[in-house]
Amino acid sequence: MSNPQLEFFKSQIGKTLDHGPSGAGNWLAGTLLEVEFGYAKVSFEIRPDMCNPAQILHGGVASLMMDDVIGMANFITESEFLMTSINLNVDFLSSASLGEKVEVTAKLVRTGANLNHWESVIRKESGKIVAKASSNMIKTHKRLKELGF
């Protein structure tokens, strides 16, 4: 069975994600590295506008990165309805500095009738974990077709 959302994102591998429906995701401007059903990996370079005064990745931006990659990966789970985050639990474990590149992964842990549970990790090129998160996405009453998807 064909999954048009997955096929679209596969066509975006290696490209900058800056023309999508998420304004916040467009601002992040990550590069899609991998995408499969239930999994996505996006790289980001830490820019000055993503940093706190110490020139390290701001915790809110790190949270946004994970939430956005989870949202993108969730979009390809073939739900008929828009799903939205109902929580995002984040642990900040180390820092990433201005100019560093990080990779953010999102992995589907469990899917249910109304809720999808995700885990996400931010890693530096060295493999060191910067932050990790878990999130639950819940179905809304908005059909994706109504939103133009």
C-alpha atoms as a PDB file:
ATOM      1  CA  MET A   1       0.000   0.000   0.000  1.00  0.00           C
ATOM      2  CA  SER A   2       1.325   3.407  -0.984  1.00  0.00           C
ATOM      3  CA  ASN A   3       2.082   6.071   1.632  1.00  0.00           C
ATOM      4  CA  PRO A   4       2.212   9.435  -0.200  1.00  0.00           C
ATOM      5  CA  GLN A   5       3.493  11.321   2.859  1.00  0.00           C
ATOM      6  CA  LEU A   6       6.394   8.889   3.256  1.00  0.00           C
ATOM      7  CA  GLU A   7       7.194   9.000  -0.457  1.00  0.00           C
ATOM      8  CA  PHE A   8       7.180  12.820  -0.367  1.00  0.00           C
ATOM      9  CA  PHE A   9       9.585  12.943   2.576  1.00  0.00           C
ATOM     10  CA  LYS A  10      11.850  10.333   0.974  1.00  0.00           C
ATOM     11  CA  SER A  11      12.126  12.721  -1.988  1.00  0.00           C
ATOM     12  CA  GLN A  12      13.333  15.400   0.459  1.00  0.00           C
ATOM     13  CA  ILE A  13      16.308  13.433   1.833  1.00  0.00           C
ATOM     14  CA  GLY A  14      19.410  15.620   1.633  1.00  0.00           C
ATOM     15  CA  LYS A  15      17.354  18.799   1.279  1.00  0.00           C
ATOM     16  CA  THR A  16      16.819  21.687   3.679  1.00  0.00           C
ATOM     17  CA  LEU A  17      13.422  21.544   5.361  1.00  0.00           C
ATOM     18  CA  ASP A  18      12.462  25.215   5.051  1.00  0.00           C
ATOM     19  CA  HIS A  19       9.309  25.219   2.888  1.00  0.00           C
ATOM     20  CA  GLY A  20       6.899  23.101   4.932  1.00  0.00           C
ATOM     21  CA  PRO A  21       3.682  23.838   6.783  1.00  0.00           C
ATOM     22  CA  SER A  22       5.506  24.428  10.104  1.00  0.00           C
ATOM     23  CA  GLY A  23       6.835  27.981  10.393  1.00  0.00           C
ATOM     24  CA  ALA A  24       8.953  26.927  13.370  1.00  0.00           C
ATOM     25  CA  GLY A  25      10.328  23.972  11.420  1.00  0.00           C
ATOM     26  CA  ASN A  26      11.135  26.257   8.489  1.00  0.00           C
ATOM     27  CA  TRP A  27      13.060  28.556  10.847  1.00  0.00           C
ATOM     28  CA  LEU A  28      15.056  25.580  12.168  1.00  0.00           C
ATOM     29  CA  ALA A  29      15.992  24.731   8.535  1.00  0.00           C
ATOM     30  CA  GLY A  30      17.299  21.247   9.213  1.00  0.00           C
ATOM     31  CA  THR A  31      18.467  18.794   6.573  1.00  0.00           C
ATOM     32  CA  LEU A  32      16.536  15.546   6.278  1.00  0.00           C
ATOM     33  CA  LEU A  33      18.942  12.601   6.506  1.00  0.00           C
ATOM     34  CA  GLU A  34      16.697   9.540   6.855  1.00  0.00           C
ATOM     35  CA  VAL A  35      12.992   8.776   6.941  1.00  0.00           C
ATOM     36  CA  GLU A  36      11.038   5.545   7.252  1.00  0.00           C
ATOM     37  CA  PHE A  37       7.665   4.679   8.695  1.00  0.00           C
ATOM     38  CA  GLY A  38       8.050   5.425  12.421  1.00  0.00           C
ATOM     39  CA  TYR A  39      11.501   7.011  12.159  1.00  0.00           C
ATOM     40  CA  ALA A  40      13.174  10.220  11.036  1.00  0.00           C
ATOM     41  CA  LYS A  41      16.627  11.779  11.333  1.00  0.00           C
ATOM     42  CA  VAL A  42      17.361  15.460  10.692  1.00  0.00           C
ATOM     43  CA  SER A  43      20.638  17.385  11.057  1.00  0.00           C
ATOM     44  CA  PHE A  44      20.927  20.956  12.272  1.00  0.00           C
ATOM     45  CA  GLU A  45      23.805  23.403  12.514  1.00  0.00           C
ATOM     46  CA  ILE A  46      23.701  25.491  15.672  1.00  0.00           C
ATOM     47  CA  ARG A  47      23.297  29.121  14.577  1.00  0.00           C
ATOM     48  CA  PRO A  48      23.647  32.272  16.745  1.00  0.00           C
ATOM     49  CA  ASP A  49      19.858  32.732  16.858  1.00  0.00           C
ATOM     50  CA  MET A  50      19.526  29.230  18.367  1.00  0.00           C
ATOM     51  CA  CYS A  51      21.869  29.956  21.277  1.00  0.00           C
ATOM     52  CA  ASN A  52      21.595  31.287  24.784  1.00  0.00           C
ATOM     53  CA  PRO A  53      23.983  34.066  25.966  1.00  0.00           C
ATOM     54  CA  ALA A  54      26.702  31.433  26.630  1.00  0.00           C
ATOM     55  CA  GLN A  55      26.634  30.564  22.884  1.00  0.00           C
ATOM     56  CA  ILE A  56      25.270  27.083  23.506  1.00  0.00           C
ATOM     57  CA  LEU A  57      22.058  25.581  22.147  1.00  0.00           C
ATOM     58  CA  HIS A  58      19.085  27.084  23.981  1.00  0.00           C
ATOM     59  CA  GLY A  59      16.970  24.469  25.769  1.00  0.00           C
ATOM     60  CA  GLY A  60      13.786  25.778  24.171  1.00  0.00           C
ATOM     61  CA  VAL A  61      15.303  25.414  20.712  1.00  0.00           C
ATOM     62  CA  ALA A  62      16.529  21.901  21.532  1.00  0.00           C
ATOM     63  CA  SER A  63      12.971  21.060  22.610  1.00  0.00           C
ATOM     64  CA  LEU A  64      11.609  22.589  19.397  1.00  0.00           C
ATOM     65  CA  MET A  65      14.010  20.488  17.311  1.00  0.00           C
ATOM     66  CA  MET A  66      12.818  17.261  18.905  1.00  0.00           C
ATOM     67  CA  ASP A  67       9.138  18.258  18.826  1.00  0.00           C
ATOM     68  CA  ASP A  68       9.359  19.221  15.155  1.00  0.00           C
ATOM     69  CA  VAL A  69      11.131  16.025  14.065  1.00  0.00           C
ATOM     70  CA  ILE A  70       8.602  13.970  16.043  1.00  0.00           C
ATOM     71  CA  GLY A  71       5.766  15.886  14.370  1.00  0.00           C
ATOM     72  CA  MET A  72       7.219  15.318  10.910  1.00  0.00           C
ATOM     73  CA  ALA A  73       7.727  11.603  11.528  1.00  0.00           C
ATOM     74  CA  ASN A  74       4.247  11.313  13.015  1.00  0.00           C
ATOM     75  CA  PHE A  75       2.788  12.894   9.872  1.00  0.00           C
ATOM     76  CA  ILE A  76       3.849   9.847   7.860  1.00  0.00           C
ATOM     77  CA  THR A  77       2.126   7.324  10.169  1.00  0.00           C
ATOM     78  CA  GLU A  78      -0.908   7.441   7.859  1.00  0.00           C
ATOM     79  CA  SER A  79      -3.367   8.933  10.319  1.00  0.00           C
ATOM     80  CA  GLU A  80      -6.450  10.363   8.655  1.00  0.00           C
ATOM     81  CA  PHE A  81      -6.485  13.074  11.328  1.00  0.00           C
ATOM     82  CA  LEU A  82      -4.029  15.757  12.368  1.00  0.00           C
ATOM     83  CA  MET A  83      -2.221  14.763  15.534  1.00  0.00           C
ATOM     84  CA  THR A  84      -0.747  17.182  18.039  1.00  0.00           C
ATOM     85  CA  SER A  85       1.611  16.940  21.007  1.00  0.00           C
ATOM     86  CA  ILE A  86       0.006  16.635  24.402  1.00  0.00           C
ATOM     87  CA  ASN A  87       3.321  16.507  26.244  1.00  0.00           C
ATOM     88  CA  LEU A  88       7.053  16.700  25.681  1.00  0.00           C
ATOM     89  CA  ASN A  89       9.288  15.483  28.494  1.00  0.00           C
ATOM     90  CA  VAL A  90      12.878  16.616  27.961  1.00  0.00           C
ATOM     91  CA  ASP A  91      16.157  15.751  29.680  1.00  0.00           C
ATOM     92  CA  PHE A  92      19.111  18.024  28.904  1.00  0.00           C
ATOM     93  CA  LEU A  93      22.278  15.949  29.266  1.00  0.00           C
ATOM     94  CA  SER A  94      25.082  18.018  27.720  1.00  0.00           C
ATOM     95  CA  SER A  95      25.583  21.107  25.580  1.00  0.00           C
ATOM     96  CA  ALA A  96      26.050  21.840  21.886  1.00  0.00           C
ATOM     97  CA  SER A  97      27.963  24.977  20.955  1.00  0.00           C
ATOM     98  CA  LEU A  98      27.543  27.576  18.254  1.00  0.00           C
ATOM     99  CA  GLY A  99      28.635  26.131  14.899  1.00  0.00           C
ATOM    100  CA  GLU A 100      28.335  22.488  15.933  1.00  0.00           C
ATOM    101  CA  LYS A 101      26.179  20.076  13.988  1.00  0.00           C
ATOM    102  CA  VAL A 102      23.683  17.841  15.730  1.00  0.00           C
ATOM    103  CA  GLU A 103      21.400  15.056  14.564  1.00  0.00           C
ATOM    104  CA  VAL A 104      17.886  14.652  15.893  1.00  0.00           C
ATOM    105  CA  THR A 105      16.135  11.308  15.650  1.00  0.00           C
ATOM    106  CA  ALA A 106      12.513  10.485  16.326  1.00  0.00           C
ATOM    107  CA  LYS A 107      11.386   6.888  16.814  1.00  0.00           C
ATOM    108  CA  LEU A 108       7.824   5.636  17.168  1.00  0.00           C
ATOM    109  CA  VAL A 109       7.611   3.493  20.303  1.00  0.00           C
ATOM    110  CA  ARG A 110       3.913   2.679  20.351  1.00  0.00           C
ATOM    111  CA  THR A 111       0.936   3.480  18.187  1.00  0.00           C
ATOM    112  CA  GLY A 112      -2.645   3.239  19.369  1.00  0.00           C
ATOM    113  CA  ALA A 113      -6.127   4.153  18.226  1.00  0.00           C
ATOM    114  CA  ASN A 114      -5.823   7.776  19.384  1.00  0.00           C
ATOM    115  CA  LEU A 115      -2.278   8.205  20.701  1.00  0.00           C
ATOM    116  CA  ASN A 116       1.246   7.713  19.355  1.00  0.00           C
ATOM    117  CA  HIS A 117       4.203   7.583  21.758  1.00  0.00           C
ATOM    118  CA  TRP A 118       7.585   8.826  20.506  1.00  0.00           C
ATOM    119  CA  GLU A 119      11.168   9.069  21.705  1.00  0.00           C
ATOM    120  CA  SER A 120      13.643  11.599  20.360  1.00  0.00           C
ATOM    121  CA  VAL A 121      17.377  12.140  20.856  1.00  0.00           C
ATOM    122  CA  ILE A 122      19.765  14.967  19.923  1.00  0.00           C
ATOM    123  CA  ARG A 123      23.336  13.756  19.325  1.00  0.00           C
ATOM    124  CA  LYS A 124      26.517  15.618  18.501  1.00  0.00           C
ATOM    125  CA  GLU A 125      28.747  14.336  15.701  1.00  0.00           C
ATOM    126  CA  SER A 126      30.861  12.644  18.397  1.00  0.00           C
ATOM    127  CA  GLY A 127      27.816  10.567  19.354  1.00  0.00           C
ATOM    128  CA  LYS A 128      27.419  12.313  22.721  1.00  0.00           C
ATOM    129  CA  ILE A 129      23.766  12.821  23.676  1.00  0.00           C
ATOM    130  CA  VAL A 130      22.769  16.472  24.113  1.00  0.00           C
ATOM    131  CA  ALA A 131      19.116  15.886  25.039  1.00  0.00           C
ATOM    132  CA  LYS A 132      16.436  13.246  24.895  1.00  0.00           C
ATOM    133  CA  ALA A 133      12.667  13.462  25.011  1.00  0.00           C
ATOM    134  CA  SER A 134       9.491  11.452  25.022  1.00  0.00           C
ATOM    135  CA  SER A 135       6.217  12.732  23.648  1.00  0.00           C
ATOM    136  CA  ASN A 136       2.650  11.658  23.094  1.00  0.00           C
ATOM    137  CA  MET A 137       0.741  12.762  20.029  1.00  0.00           C
ATOM    138  CA  ILE A 138      -3.058  12.660  20.114  1.00  0.00           C
ATOM    139  CA  LYS A 139      -5.574  12.648  17.271  1.00  0.00           C
ATOM    140  CA  THR A 140      -7.515  15.855  16.784  1.00  0.00           C
ATOM    141  CA  HIS A 141     -10.876  16.148  15.017  1.00  0.00           C
ATOM    142  CA  LYS A 142      -9.241  17.891  12.029  1.00  0.00           C
ATOM    143  CA  ARG A 143      -8.924  15.660   8.983  1.00  0.00           C
ATOM    144  CA  LEU A 144      -5.663  16.115   7.101  1.00  0.00           C
ATOM    145  CA  LYS A 145      -7.631  16.485   3.847  1.00  0.00           C
ATOM    146  CA  GLU A 146      -9.448  19.491   5.345  1.00  0.00           C
ATOM    147  CA  LEU A 147      -6.042  21.098   5.905  1.00  0.00           C
ATOM    148  CA  GLY A 148      -4.897  20.435   2.347  1.00  0.00           C
ATOM    149  CA  PHE A 149      -2.760  17.329   2.980  1.00  0.00           C
END
